[in-house]
C-alpha atoms as a PDB file:
ATOM      1  CA  MET A   1      23.247   4.682  -1.781  1.00  0.00           C
ATOM      2  CA  LYS A   2      25.482   2.473  -3.981  1.00  0.00           C
ATOM      3  CA  SER A   3      24.068  -0.875  -2.786  1.00  0.00           C
ATOM      4  CA  LEU A   4      20.377   0.196  -3.293  1.00  0.00           C
ATOM      5  CA  THR A   5      21.308   1.496  -6.953  1.00  0.00           C
ATOM      6  CA  GLU A   6      22.813  -1.903  -7.606  1.00  0.00           C
ATOM      7  CA  ASP A   7      19.749  -3.652  -6.305  1.00  0.00           C
ATOM      8  CA  LEU A   8      17.488  -1.462  -8.535  1.00  0.00           C
ATOM      9  CA  GLN A   9      19.667  -2.149 -11.533  1.00  0.00           C
ATOM     10  CA  TYR A  10      19.496  -5.829 -10.624  1.00  0.00           C
ATOM     11  CA  ILE A  11      15.634  -5.740 -10.691  1.00  0.00           C
ATOM     12  CA  THR A  12      15.729  -3.745 -13.990  1.00  0.00           C
ATOM     13  CA  ASN A  13      17.833  -6.473 -15.646  1.00  0.00           C
ATOM     14  CA  LYS A  14      15.386  -9.251 -14.689  1.00  0.00           C
ATOM     15  CA  VAL A  15      12.279  -7.542 -15.833  1.00  0.00           C
ATOM     16  CA  ASN A  16      11.030  -6.741 -19.427  1.00  0.00           C
ATOM     17  CA  ILE A  17      11.240  -2.966 -18.788  1.00  0.00           C
ATOM     18  CA  LYS A  18      10.075  -2.160 -22.182  1.00  0.00           C
ATOM     19  CA  ARG A  19       6.469  -3.326 -21.180  1.00  0.00           C
ATOM     20  CA  PHE A  20       6.352   0.031 -19.221  1.00  0.00           C
ATOM     21  CA  ASN A  21       7.048   2.275 -22.296  1.00  0.00           C
ATOM     22  CA  ASN A  22       4.394   4.890 -22.559  1.00  0.00           C
ATOM     23  CA  LYS A  23       2.425   3.425 -19.653  1.00  0.00           C
ATOM     24  CA  LYS A  24       1.496   4.992 -16.216  1.00  0.00           C
ATOM     25  CA  VAL A  25       1.310   3.199 -12.974  1.00  0.00           C
ATOM     26  CA  LEU A  26      -0.825   3.781  -9.858  1.00  0.00           C
ATOM     27  CA  LEU A  27       1.108   2.764  -6.947  1.00  0.00           C
ATOM     28  CA  ILE A  28      -0.978   2.373  -3.775  1.00  0.00           C
ATOM     29  CA  GLY A  29       0.707   2.007  -0.339  1.00  0.00           C
ATOM     30  CA  SER A  30       3.854   3.646  -1.630  1.00  0.00           C
ATOM     31  CA  ASN A  31       5.435   4.413   1.843  1.00  0.00           C
ATOM     32  CA  GLY A  32       5.466   0.949   3.120  1.00  0.00           C
ATOM     33  CA  PHE A  33       8.404  -1.673   2.926  1.00  0.00           C
ATOM     34  CA  LEU A  34       7.529  -2.991  -0.403  1.00  0.00           C
ATOM     35  CA  GLY A  35       5.955   0.063  -1.807  1.00  0.00           C
ATOM     36  CA  GLN A  36       9.076   2.035  -1.306  1.00  0.00           C
ATOM     37  CA  TRP A  37      11.033  -0.530  -3.441  1.00  0.00           C
ATOM     38  CA  PHE A  38       8.313  -0.303  -6.212  1.00  0.00           C
ATOM     39  CA  ALA A  39       8.645   3.598  -6.046  1.00  0.00           C
ATOM     40  CA  ASP A  40      12.417   3.420  -6.286  1.00  0.00           C
ATOM     41  CA  PHE A  41      12.184   0.980  -9.148  1.00  0.00           C
ATOM     42  CA  PHE A  42       9.881   3.356 -11.148  1.00  0.00           C
ATOM     43  CA  ASP A  43      12.118   6.290 -10.305  1.00  0.00           C
ATOM     44  CA  HIS A  44      15.166   4.435 -11.373  1.00  0.00           C
ATOM     45  CA  ASN A  45      13.749   3.661 -14.777  1.00  0.00           C
ATOM     46  CA  THR A  46      11.683   7.005 -15.160  1.00  0.00           C
ATOM     47  CA  ILE A  47       8.405   5.265 -15.361  1.00  0.00           C
ATOM     48  CA  GLU A  48       5.464   7.653 -14.754  1.00  0.00           C
ATOM     49  CA  TYR A  49       3.524   6.734 -11.703  1.00  0.00           C
ATOM     50  CA  LEU A  50       1.290   8.202  -8.958  1.00  0.00           C
ATOM     51  CA  LYS A  51       1.874   7.655  -5.203  1.00  0.00           C
ATOM     52  CA  TYR A  52      -1.540   6.965  -3.520  1.00  0.00           C
ATOM     53  CA  ASP A  53      -0.880   6.647   0.162  1.00  0.00           C
ATOM     54  CA  VAL A  54      -2.623   7.778   3.450  1.00  0.00           C
ATOM     55  CA  THR A  55       0.372   9.797   4.334  1.00  0.00           C
ATOM     56  CA  ASP A  56      -0.545  11.967   1.252  1.00  0.00           C
ATOM     57  CA  GLY A  57      -4.156  12.098   2.293  1.00  0.00           C
ATOM     58  CA  ARG A  58      -5.233   9.329   0.058  1.00  0.00           C
ATOM     59  CA  ASP A  59      -7.086   6.200   1.714  1.00  0.00           C
ATOM     60  CA  ILE A  60      -8.240   3.345  -0.227  1.00  0.00           C
ATOM     61  CA  CYS A  61     -10.919   2.811   2.389  1.00  0.00           C
ATOM     62  CA  THR A  62     -12.776   5.504   0.439  1.00  0.00           C
ATOM     63  CA  PRO A  63     -13.446   5.310  -3.405  1.00  0.00           C
ATOM     64  CA  LEU A  64     -10.574   6.175  -5.670  1.00  0.00           C
ATOM     65  CA  ASP A  65     -12.147   8.991  -7.487  1.00  0.00           C
ATOM     66  CA  ASP A  66     -10.862  11.957  -9.588  1.00  0.00           C
ATOM     67  CA  ILE A  67      -7.412  10.431 -10.330  1.00  0.00           C
ATOM     68  CA  GLY A  68      -7.946   9.462 -14.036  1.00  0.00           C
ATOM     69  CA  ARG A  69      -6.700   6.170 -15.629  1.00  0.00           C
ATOM     70  CA  TYR A  70      -3.519   4.384 -15.207  1.00  0.00           C
ATOM     71  CA  ASP A  71      -2.388   1.498 -17.141  1.00  0.00           C
ATOM     72  CA  PHE A  72      -1.026  -0.609 -14.249  1.00  0.00           C
ATOM     73  CA  VAL A  73      -2.060  -0.707 -10.669  1.00  0.00           C
ATOM     74  CA  VAL A  74       0.215  -1.948  -7.864  1.00  0.00           C
ATOM     75  CA  ASN A  75      -1.681  -2.128  -4.472  1.00  0.00           C
ATOM     76  CA  CYS A  76       0.789  -2.570  -1.645  1.00  0.00           C
ATOM     77  CA  ALA A  77      -1.514  -1.119   1.016  1.00  0.00           C
ATOM     78  CA  GLY A  78      -1.675  -3.217   4.159  1.00  0.00           C
ATOM     79  CA  VAL A  79      -0.969  -3.646   7.728  1.00  0.00           C
ATOM     80  CA  ALA A  80       1.569  -6.409   7.958  1.00  0.00           C
ATOM     81  CA  SER A  81       3.334  -5.389  11.274  1.00  0.00           C
ATOM     82  CA  PRO A  82       2.090  -7.826  14.138  1.00  0.00           C
ATOM     83  CA  GLU A  83       2.603  -5.128  16.639  1.00  0.00           C
ATOM     84  CA  LYS A  84       0.407  -2.784  14.684  1.00  0.00           C
ATOM     85  CA  TYR A  85      -2.428  -5.021  13.917  1.00  0.00           C
ATOM     86  CA  MET A  86      -2.444  -6.346  17.470  1.00  0.00           C
ATOM     87  CA  LYS A  87      -3.037  -2.685  18.542  1.00  0.00           C
ATOM     88  CA  ASN A  88      -5.729  -2.060  16.022  1.00  0.00           C
ATOM     89  CA  PRO A  89      -7.152  -5.284  14.539  1.00  0.00           C
ATOM     90  CA  MET A  90      -9.925  -3.592  12.525  1.00  0.00           C
ATOM     91  CA  SER A  91      -7.373  -1.764  10.276  1.00  0.00           C
ATOM     92  CA  PRO A  92      -6.043  -4.919   8.364  1.00  0.00           C
ATOM     93  CA  LEU A  93      -9.813  -6.024   7.924  1.00  0.00           C
ATOM     94  CA  ASP A  94     -10.791  -2.714   6.626  1.00  0.00           C
ATOM     95  CA  VAL A  95      -7.859  -2.530   4.164  1.00  0.00           C
ATOM     96  CA  SER A  96      -8.285  -6.114   2.971  1.00  0.00           C
ATOM     97  CA  TYR A  97     -12.027  -5.867   2.393  1.00  0.00           C
ATOM     98  CA  ILE A  98     -13.110  -2.114   1.832  1.00  0.00           C
ATOM     99  CA  GLY A  99      -9.811  -1.130   0.446  1.00  0.00           C
ATOM    100  CA  THR A 100      -9.466  -4.097  -2.004  1.00  0.00           C
ATOM    101  CA  LYS A 101     -13.020  -3.675  -3.190  1.00  0.00           C
ATOM    102  CA  ASN A 102     -12.509   0.078  -3.996  1.00  0.00           C
ATOM    103  CA  VAL A 103      -9.283  -0.726  -5.834  1.00  0.00           C
ATOM    104  CA  LEU A 104     -11.019  -3.479  -7.938  1.00  0.00           C
ATOM    105  CA  GLU A 105     -14.061  -1.062  -8.574  1.00  0.00           C
ATOM    106  CA  TYR A 106     -11.489   1.497  -9.869  1.00  0.00           C
ATOM    107  CA  CYS A 107      -9.948  -1.137 -12.093  1.00  0.00           C
ATOM    108  CA  LEU A 108     -13.379  -2.233 -13.410  1.00  0.00           C
ATOM    109  CA  LYS A 109     -14.372   1.402 -14.158  1.00  0.00           C
ATOM    110  CA  HIS A 110     -11.217   2.087 -16.000  1.00  0.00           C
ATOM    111  CA  ASP A 111     -10.562  -1.202 -17.645  1.00  0.00           C
ATOM    112  CA  ILE A 112      -7.029  -1.303 -16.210  1.00  0.00           C
ATOM    113  CA  GLU A 113      -4.495  -3.439 -18.150  1.00  0.00           C
ATOM    114  CA  SER A 114      -3.209  -5.167 -15.031  1.00  0.00           C
ATOM    115  CA  VAL A 115      -3.410  -4.875 -11.288  1.00  0.00           C
ATOM    116  CA  LEU A 116      -1.262  -6.650  -8.640  1.00  0.00           C
ATOM    117  CA  LEU A 117      -2.560  -7.253  -5.206  1.00  0.00           C
ATOM    118  CA  PHE A 118      -0.941  -8.625  -2.170  1.00  0.00           C
ATOM    119  CA  SER A 119      -2.196 -11.603  -0.210  1.00  0.00           C
ATOM    120  CA  SER A 120      -0.005 -13.405   2.224  1.00  0.00           C
ATOM    121  CA  SER A 121       1.599 -16.825   3.029  1.00  0.00           C
ATOM    122  CA  GLU A 122      -0.350 -16.711   6.235  1.00  0.00           C
ATOM    123  CA  VAL A 123      -3.423 -17.990   4.413  1.00  0.00           C
ATOM    124  CA  TYR A 124      -1.807 -21.466   4.449  1.00  0.00           C
ATOM    125  CA  GLY A 125      -1.755 -21.767   8.250  1.00  0.00           C
ATOM    126  CA  THR A 126       0.470 -24.549   9.259  1.00  0.00           C
ATOM    127  CA  PRO A 127       0.522 -27.074   6.370  1.00  0.00           C
ATOM    128  CA  PRO A 128       1.399 -30.757   7.171  1.00  0.00           C
ATOM    129  CA  PRO A 129       4.847 -32.075   6.369  1.00  0.00           C
ATOM    130  CA  SER A 130       3.437 -33.618   3.065  1.00  0.00           C
ATOM    131  CA  ALA A 131       2.624 -30.091   1.816  1.00  0.00           C
ATOM    132  CA  ILE A 132       6.155 -28.614   2.514  1.00  0.00           C
ATOM    133  CA  PRO A 133       7.274 -26.825   0.288  1.00  0.00           C
ATOM    134  CA  THR A 134       3.748 -25.426  -0.060  1.00  0.00           C
ATOM    135  CA  SER A 135       2.302 -24.841  -3.557  1.00  0.00           C
ATOM    136  CA  GLU A 136      -0.682 -22.540  -4.453  1.00  0.00           C
ATOM    137  CA  ASP A 137      -3.205 -25.317  -4.711  1.00  0.00           C
ATOM    138  CA  PHE A 138      -2.785 -26.309  -1.065  1.00  0.00           C
ATOM    139  CA  THR A 139      -5.843 -25.197   0.988  1.00  0.00           C
ATOM    140  CA  GLY A 140      -4.787 -23.971   4.390  1.00  0.00           C
ATOM    141  CA  THR A 141      -6.749 -23.845   7.730  1.00  0.00           C
ATOM    142  CA  ILE A 142      -6.568 -20.738   9.775  1.00  0.00           C
ATOM    143  CA  PRO A 143      -8.406 -19.895  12.848  1.00  0.00           C
ATOM    144  CA  THR A 144     -11.225 -17.167  12.724  1.00  0.00           C
ATOM    145  CA  MET A 145     -10.758 -16.174  16.369  1.00  0.00           C
ATOM    146  CA  SER A 146      -7.301 -15.580  17.280  1.00  0.00           C
ATOM    147  CA  ASN A 147      -5.008 -12.604  17.680  1.00  0.00           C
ATOM    148  CA  ARG A 148      -3.584 -13.284  14.144  1.00  0.00           C
ATOM    149  CA  SER A 149      -7.045 -13.749  12.441  1.00  0.00           C
ATOM    150  CA  CYS A 150      -7.640 -10.017  11.706  1.00  0.00           C
ATOM    151  CA  TYR A 151      -4.675 -10.167   9.301  1.00  0.00           C
ATOM    152  CA  ASP A 152      -4.959 -13.834   8.033  1.00  0.00           C
ATOM    153  CA  ILE A 153      -8.585 -13.903   7.395  1.00  0.00           C
ATOM    154  CA  GLY A 154      -8.370 -10.364   5.811  1.00  0.00           C
ATOM    155  CA  LYS A 155      -6.028 -11.784   3.302  1.00  0.00           C
ATOM    156  CA  GLN A 156      -8.397 -14.677   2.477  1.00  0.00           C
ATOM    157  CA  VAL A 157     -11.175 -12.173   1.970  1.00  0.00           C
ATOM    158  CA  LEU A 158      -8.890 -10.136  -0.435  1.00  0.00           C
ATOM    159  CA  GLU A 159      -8.348 -13.367  -2.439  1.00  0.00           C
ATOM    160  CA  THR A 160     -12.063 -14.098  -2.612  1.00  0.00           C
ATOM    161  CA  LEU A 161     -12.737 -10.446  -3.836  1.00  0.00           C
ATOM    162  CA  VAL A 162     -10.096 -10.851  -6.577  1.00  0.00           C
ATOM    163  CA  TYR A 163     -11.499 -14.214  -7.632  1.00  0.00           C
ATOM    164  CA  THR A 164     -15.161 -12.891  -7.824  1.00  0.00           C
ATOM    165  CA  TYR A 165     -14.275  -9.639  -9.779  1.00  0.00           C
ATOM    166  CA  HIS A 166     -12.220 -11.563 -12.225  1.00  0.00           C
ATOM    167  CA  SER A 167     -14.827 -14.354 -12.677  1.00  0.00           C
ATOM    168  CA  GLN A 168     -17.869 -12.072 -12.750  1.00  0.00           C
ATOM    169  CA  ASN A 169     -16.390  -8.776 -14.363  1.00  0.00           C
ATOM    170  CA  GLN A 170     -13.090  -9.980 -16.103  1.00  0.00           C
ATOM    171  CA  VAL A 171     -10.948  -7.579 -14.031  1.00  0.00           C
ATOM    172  CA  ARG A 172      -7.358  -8.357 -14.985  1.00  0.00           C
ATOM    173  CA  ALA A 173      -6.083  -8.877 -11.387  1.00  0.00           C
ATOM    174  CA  LYS A 174      -3.315 -10.964 -10.078  1.00  0.00           C
ATOM    175  CA  MET A 175      -2.248 -11.802  -6.596  1.00  0.00           C
ATOM    176  CA  VAL A 176       1.004 -12.754  -4.792  1.00  0.00           C
ATOM    177  CA  ARG A 177       1.559 -14.482  -1.504  1.00  0.00           C
ATOM    178  CA  PRO A 178       4.920 -13.114  -0.235  1.00  0.00           C
ATOM    179  CA  PHE A 179       6.995 -15.287   2.005  1.00  0.00           C
ATOM    180  CA  ASN A 180       9.082 -13.403   4.568  1.00  0.00           C
ATOM    181  CA  MET A 181      10.569 -10.590   2.474  1.00  0.00           C
ATOM    182  CA  TYR A 182      13.385  -8.659   4.113  1.00  0.00           C
ATOM    183  CA  GLY A 183      15.842  -5.853   3.136  1.00  0.00           C
ATOM    184  CA  PRO A 184      16.134  -2.066   3.279  1.00  0.00           C
ATOM    185  CA  TYR A 185      13.061  -0.036   4.095  1.00  0.00           C
ATOM    186  CA  MET A 186      11.718  -2.499   6.744  1.00  0.00           C
ATOM    187  CA  GLY A 187      10.548  -0.684   9.618  1.00  0.00           C
ATOM    188  CA  LEU A 188      12.906  -1.429  12.545  1.00  0.00           C
ATOM    189  CA  THR A 189      10.022  -1.385  15.041  1.00  0.00           C
ATOM    190  CA  ASP A 190       7.559  -3.265  12.946  1.00  0.00           C
ATOM    191  CA  GLY A 191       7.765  -6.613  14.906  1.00  0.00           C
ATOM    192  CA  ARG A 192       9.180  -8.777  12.044  1.00  0.00           C
ATOM    193  CA  VAL A 193      12.038 -10.960  13.137  1.00  0.00           C
ATOM    194  CA  LEU A 194      14.957  -9.583  10.905  1.00  0.00           C
ATOM    195  CA  SER A 195      13.931  -6.102  11.476  1.00  0.00           C
ATOM    196  CA  ASN A 196      13.786  -6.603  15.214  1.00  0.00           C
ATOM    197  CA  TRP A 197      17.087  -8.247  15.292  1.00  0.00           C
ATOM    198  CA  MET A 198      18.762  -5.487  13.099  1.00  0.00           C
ATOM    199  CA  ARG A 199      17.444  -2.889  15.543  1.00  0.00           C
ATOM    200  CA  ASN A 200      18.859  -4.848  18.494  1.00  0.00           C
ATOM    201  CA  TYR A 201      22.153  -5.365  16.821  1.00  0.00           C
ATOM    202  CA  LEU A 202      22.653  -1.714  15.893  1.00  0.00           C
ATOM    203  CA  LYS A 203      22.073  -0.987  19.539  1.00  0.00           C
ATOM    204  CA  GLU A 204      24.520  -3.493  20.544  1.00  0.00           C
ATOM    205  CA  GLU A 205      21.760  -5.543  22.347  1.00  0.00           C
ATOM    206  CA  LYS A 206      21.090  -9.299  22.469  1.00  0.00           C
ATOM    207  CA  ILE A 207      18.436 -10.435  20.083  1.00  0.00           C
ATOM    208  CA  SER A 208      15.233 -12.237  21.198  1.00  0.00           C
ATOM    209  CA  ILE A 209      13.916 -15.472  19.880  1.00  0.00           C
ATOM    210  CA  TYR A 210      10.187 -16.079  20.647  1.00  0.00           C
ATOM    211  CA  GLY A 211       8.800 -19.430  21.752  1.00  0.00           C
ATOM    212  CA  ASN A 212      11.211 -22.330  21.560  1.00  0.00           C
ATOM    213  CA  GLY A 213      13.002 -21.146  18.358  1.00  0.00           C
ATOM    214  CA  LEU A 214      12.057 -24.240  16.396  1.00  0.00           C
ATOM    215  CA  GLN A 215       9.523 -22.550  14.019  1.00  0.00           C
ATOM    216  CA  THR A 216      10.990 -22.547  10.514  1.00  0.00           C
ATOM    217  CA  ARG A 217      10.838 -20.004   7.705  1.00  0.00           C
ATOM    218  CA  THR A 218      12.655 -19.265   4.362  1.00  0.00           C
ATOM    219  CA  PHE A 219      13.581 -15.596   3.596  1.00  0.00           C
ATOM    220  CA  CYS A 220      13.723 -13.725   0.317  1.00  0.00           C
ATOM    221  CA  TYR A 221      15.589 -10.445  -0.125  1.00  0.00           C
ATOM    222  CA  ALA A 222      13.464  -7.545  -1.318  1.00  0.00           C
ATOM    223  CA  ALA A 223      15.198  -7.120  -4.633  1.00  0.00           C
ATOM    224  CA  ASP A 224      14.376 -10.787  -5.580  1.00  0.00           C
ATOM    225  CA  GLY A 225      10.826 -10.497  -4.367  1.00  0.00           C
ATOM    226  CA  ILE A 226      10.268  -7.212  -6.303  1.00  0.00           C
ATOM    227  CA  SER A 227      11.555  -8.778  -9.458  1.00  0.00           C
ATOM    228  CA  MET A 228       9.219 -11.732  -9.244  1.00  0.00           C
ATOM    229  CA  MET A 229       6.225  -9.447  -8.295  1.00  0.00           C
ATOM    230  CA  LEU A 230       6.751  -7.195 -11.298  1.00  0.00           C
ATOM    231  CA  GLY A 231       6.944 -10.471 -13.452  1.00  0.00           C
ATOM    232  CA  VAL A 232       3.507 -11.381 -12.061  1.00  0.00           C
ATOM    233  CA  LEU A 233       2.134  -7.908 -12.752  1.00  0.00           C
ATOM    234  CA  LEU A 234       3.322  -8.029 -16.370  1.00  0.00           C
ATOM    235  CA  ASP A 235       3.028 -11.837 -17.234  1.00  0.00           C
ATOM    236  CA  GLY A 236       0.929 -13.532 -14.610  1.00  0.00           C
ATOM    237  CA  ARG A 237      -2.458 -14.991 -15.491  1.00  0.00           C
ATOM    238  CA  ASP A 238      -5.579 -13.014 -14.496  1.00  0.00           C
ATOM    239  CA  GLY A 239      -7.390 -14.252 -11.462  1.00  0.00           C
ATOM    240  CA  GLU A 240      -4.563 -16.357 -10.159  1.00  0.00           C
ATOM    241  CA  VAL A 241      -2.233 -16.368  -7.241  1.00  0.00           C
ATOM    242  CA  TYR A 242       1.526 -16.780  -7.116  1.00  0.00           C
ATOM    243  CA  ASN A 243       3.828 -17.712  -4.259  1.00  0.00           C
ATOM    244  CA  VAL A 244       6.820 -15.235  -4.097  1.00  0.00           C
ATOM    245  CA  GLY A 245       9.761 -16.202  -2.007  1.00  0.00           C
ATOM    246  CA  ASN A 246      12.675 -18.409  -1.566  1.00  0.00           C
ATOM    247  CA  SER A 247      12.246 -22.132  -1.251  1.00  0.00           C
ATOM    248  CA  SER A 248      15.554 -22.704   0.530  1.00  0.00           C
ATOM    249  CA  PRO A 249      17.209 -22.678   2.916  1.00  0.00           C
ATOM    250  CA  GLU A 250      14.421 -23.500   5.445  1.00  0.00           C
ATOM    251  CA  LEU A 251      15.811 -22.544   8.855  1.00  0.00           C
ATOM    252  CA  ASN A 252      14.461 -22.654  12.424  1.00  0.00           C
ATOM    253  CA  ILE A 253      14.817 -19.423  14.196  1.00  0.00           C
ATOM    254  CA  VAL A 254      17.780 -20.526  16.301  1.00  0.00           C
ATOM    255  CA  GLU A 255      19.606 -21.403  12.999  1.00  0.00           C
ATOM    256  CA  LEU A 256      18.566 -18.061  11.564  1.00  0.00           C
ATOM    257  CA  ALA A 257      20.225 -16.344  14.411  1.00  0.00           C
ATOM    258  CA  THR A 258      23.504 -18.173  13.657  1.00  0.00           C
ATOM    259  CA  HIS A 259      23.224 -17.156  10.058  1.00  0.00           C
ATOM    260  CA  PHE A 260      22.312 -13.484  11.073  1.00  0.00           C
ATOM    261  CA  TYR A 261      25.451 -13.143  13.203  1.00  0.00           C
ATOM    262  CA  SER A 262      27.631 -14.957  10.807  1.00  0.00           C
ATOM    263  CA  ALA A 263      26.640 -12.671   7.976  1.00  0.00           C
ATOM    264  CA  LEU A 264      27.718  -9.804  10.287  1.00  0.00           C
ATOM    265  CA  GLU A 265      30.918 -11.510  11.405  1.00  0.00           C
ATOM    266  CA  SER A 266      29.956 -11.261  14.942  1.00  0.00           C
ATOM    267  CA  PRO A 267      29.621 -13.965  17.760  1.00  0.00           C
ATOM    268  CA  PRO A 268      26.016 -14.941  18.413  1.00  0.00           C
ATOM    269  CA  GLN A 269      24.255 -13.205  21.212  1.00  0.00           C
ATOM    270  CA  TYR A 270      20.622 -14.252  21.738  1.00  0.00           C
ATOM    271  CA  GLU A 271      18.153 -15.184  24.258  1.00  0.00           C
ATOM    272  CA  VAL A 272      15.035 -17.502  23.859  1.00  0.00           C
ATOM    273  CA  GLN A 273      11.986 -16.159  25.626  1.00  0.00           C
ATOM    274  CA  GLU A 274       8.251 -16.309  25.801  1.00  0.00           C
ATOM    275  CA  TYR A 275       6.155 -14.416  23.392  1.00  0.00           C
ATOM    276  CA  PRO A 276       5.648 -10.823  24.456  1.00  0.00           C
ATOM    277  CA  ASN A 277       2.048  -9.514  24.757  1.00  0.00           C
ATOM    278  CA  SER A 278       2.704  -7.240  21.593  1.00  0.00           C
ATOM    279  CA  TYR A 279       3.351 -10.362  19.287  1.00  0.00           C
ATOM    280  CA  PRO A 280       0.768 -13.017  18.369  1.00  0.00           C
ATOM    281  CA  SER A 281       1.811 -16.312  19.905  1.00  0.00           C
ATOM    282  CA  ASP A 282      -0.198 -18.665  17.585  1.00  0.00           C
ATOM    283  CA  GLU A 283       2.277 -18.238  14.498  1.00  0.00           C
ATOM    284  CA  PRO A 284       2.703 -21.121  12.048  1.00  0.00           C
ATOM    285  CA  THR A 285       5.263 -23.577  12.874  1.00  0.00           C
ATOM    286  CA  ARG A 286       6.498 -24.034   9.303  1.00  0.00           C
ATOM    287  CA  ARG A 287       6.642 -21.864   6.199  1.00  0.00           C
ATOM    288  CA  CYS A 288       8.360 -22.834   2.926  1.00  0.00           C
ATOM    289  CA  PRO A 289       7.145 -21.993  -0.375  1.00  0.00           C
ATOM    290  CA  ASP A 290       7.001 -24.049  -3.778  1.00  0.00           C
ATOM    291  CA  ILE A 291       7.842 -21.270  -6.223  1.00  0.00           C
ATOM    292  CA  GLN A 292       7.785 -23.244  -9.420  1.00  0.00           C
ATOM    293  CA  LYS A 293       4.685 -21.514 -10.717  1.00  0.00           C
ATOM    294  CA  VAL A 294       5.995 -18.032 -10.360  1.00  0.00           C
ATOM    295  CA  ILE A 295       9.353 -19.038 -12.116  1.00  0.00           C
ATOM    296  CA  GLU A 296       7.676 -20.862 -15.001  1.00  0.00           C
ATOM    297  CA  THR A 297       5.405 -17.898 -15.430  1.00  0.00           C
ATOM    298  CA  THR A 298       7.856 -14.999 -15.221  1.00  0.00           C
ATOM    299  CA  GLN A 299      11.129 -16.750 -16.007  1.00  0.00           C
ATOM    300  CA  ILE A 300      12.487 -14.931 -12.817  1.00  0.00           C
ATOM    301  CA  GLN A 301      13.761 -16.637  -9.701  1.00  0.00           C
ATOM    302  CA  PRO A 302      15.603 -15.543  -6.563  1.00  0.00           C
ATOM    303  CA  SER A 303      19.434 -15.655  -6.527  1.00  0.00           C
ATOM    304  CA  ILE A 304      20.615 -13.379  -3.621  1.00  0.00           C
ATOM    305  CA  PRO A 305      21.878 -15.671  -0.882  1.00  0.00           C
ATOM    306  CA  LEU A 306      20.663 -14.873   2.694  1.00  0.00           C
ATOM    307  CA  HIS A 307      24.158 -13.838   4.147  1.00  0.00           C
ATOM    308  CA  ILE A 308      24.481 -11.242   1.415  1.00  0.00           C
ATOM    309  CA  GLY A 309      20.987 -10.050   1.891  1.00  0.00           C
ATOM    310  CA  ILE A 310      21.542  -9.589   5.612  1.00  0.00           C
ATOM    311  CA  ARG A 311      24.820  -7.712   4.914  1.00  0.00           C
ATOM    312  CA  LYS A 312      22.989  -5.418   2.456  1.00  0.00           C
ATOM    313  CA  MET A 313      20.299  -4.773   4.993  1.00  0.00           C
ATOM    314  CA  TYR A 314      22.875  -3.948   7.727  1.00  0.00           C
ATOM    315  CA  GLU A 315      24.777  -1.601   5.428  1.00  0.00           C
ATOM    316  CA  TYR A 316      21.501   0.331   4.530  1.00  0.00           C
ATOM    317  CA  TYR A 317      20.550   0.869   8.197  1.00  0.00           C
ATOM    318  CA  LYS A 318      24.118   1.620   9.432  1.00  0.00           C
ATOM    319  CA  GLN A 319      24.276   4.443   6.817  1.00  0.00           C
END
């Protein structure tokens, strides 16, 4: 698709592609939303890489043996869909602890040049107004016993594992906390707001807004997010974590619905309803990142406006 090819070249222009010369990448979780973007980027630039995914019979909840050494590791494996982890809450816990430990053991054994692991903005909980936009040094509070805890606490455990392996064994690991990525390859049934809405729109249905619609978010188009993440892989400081996302505009979900329909040049059609049983009701009320650290470290920042990203997402799924 022309739009995807343009996006991949956009990423290539932002990243120091020469750093991948004569290097090999182990891509874990290659069939997920972000994993498919990384795979396309490596294909677009003819970078040698191995897909390591459960659909190929490879599970990071077992030791990573007999695959040889790779220079870089990108671990996208995770269960980010609320509908999926509500059905099987042990899955994100296993992937976050057992899976991450196996990846870090592999990196320790093979003295990997750099490994990128994925935490989440969910570790911040709901910051107070004084901590919005939220920087990496803010310590969030999240419940240990709620229908989101399996995902949120799992990501905290991942971060502690990375900190420990770096401080004790000098594993060259970096982490990112993504803030509401969206775009092509999102599963249209994964329970995230823009993918849900795109599915409804394509079926000519009203979109649904859960709760009172006043919870706020910022959104980052995947090509911008992948660019910053690759920058962290190449230039991030070992043992540290980076927010990746957009710092503006911060919109409540009713405002987001208006932007969504405006981007698609259609009159708004939405309904506000209670949270369904398949979706966790105790979601954070505000989410907005401070991204100065990742910009200063990588010299990369997002530039694709929300209305253009939504349009790109629509064109992809329409085709």
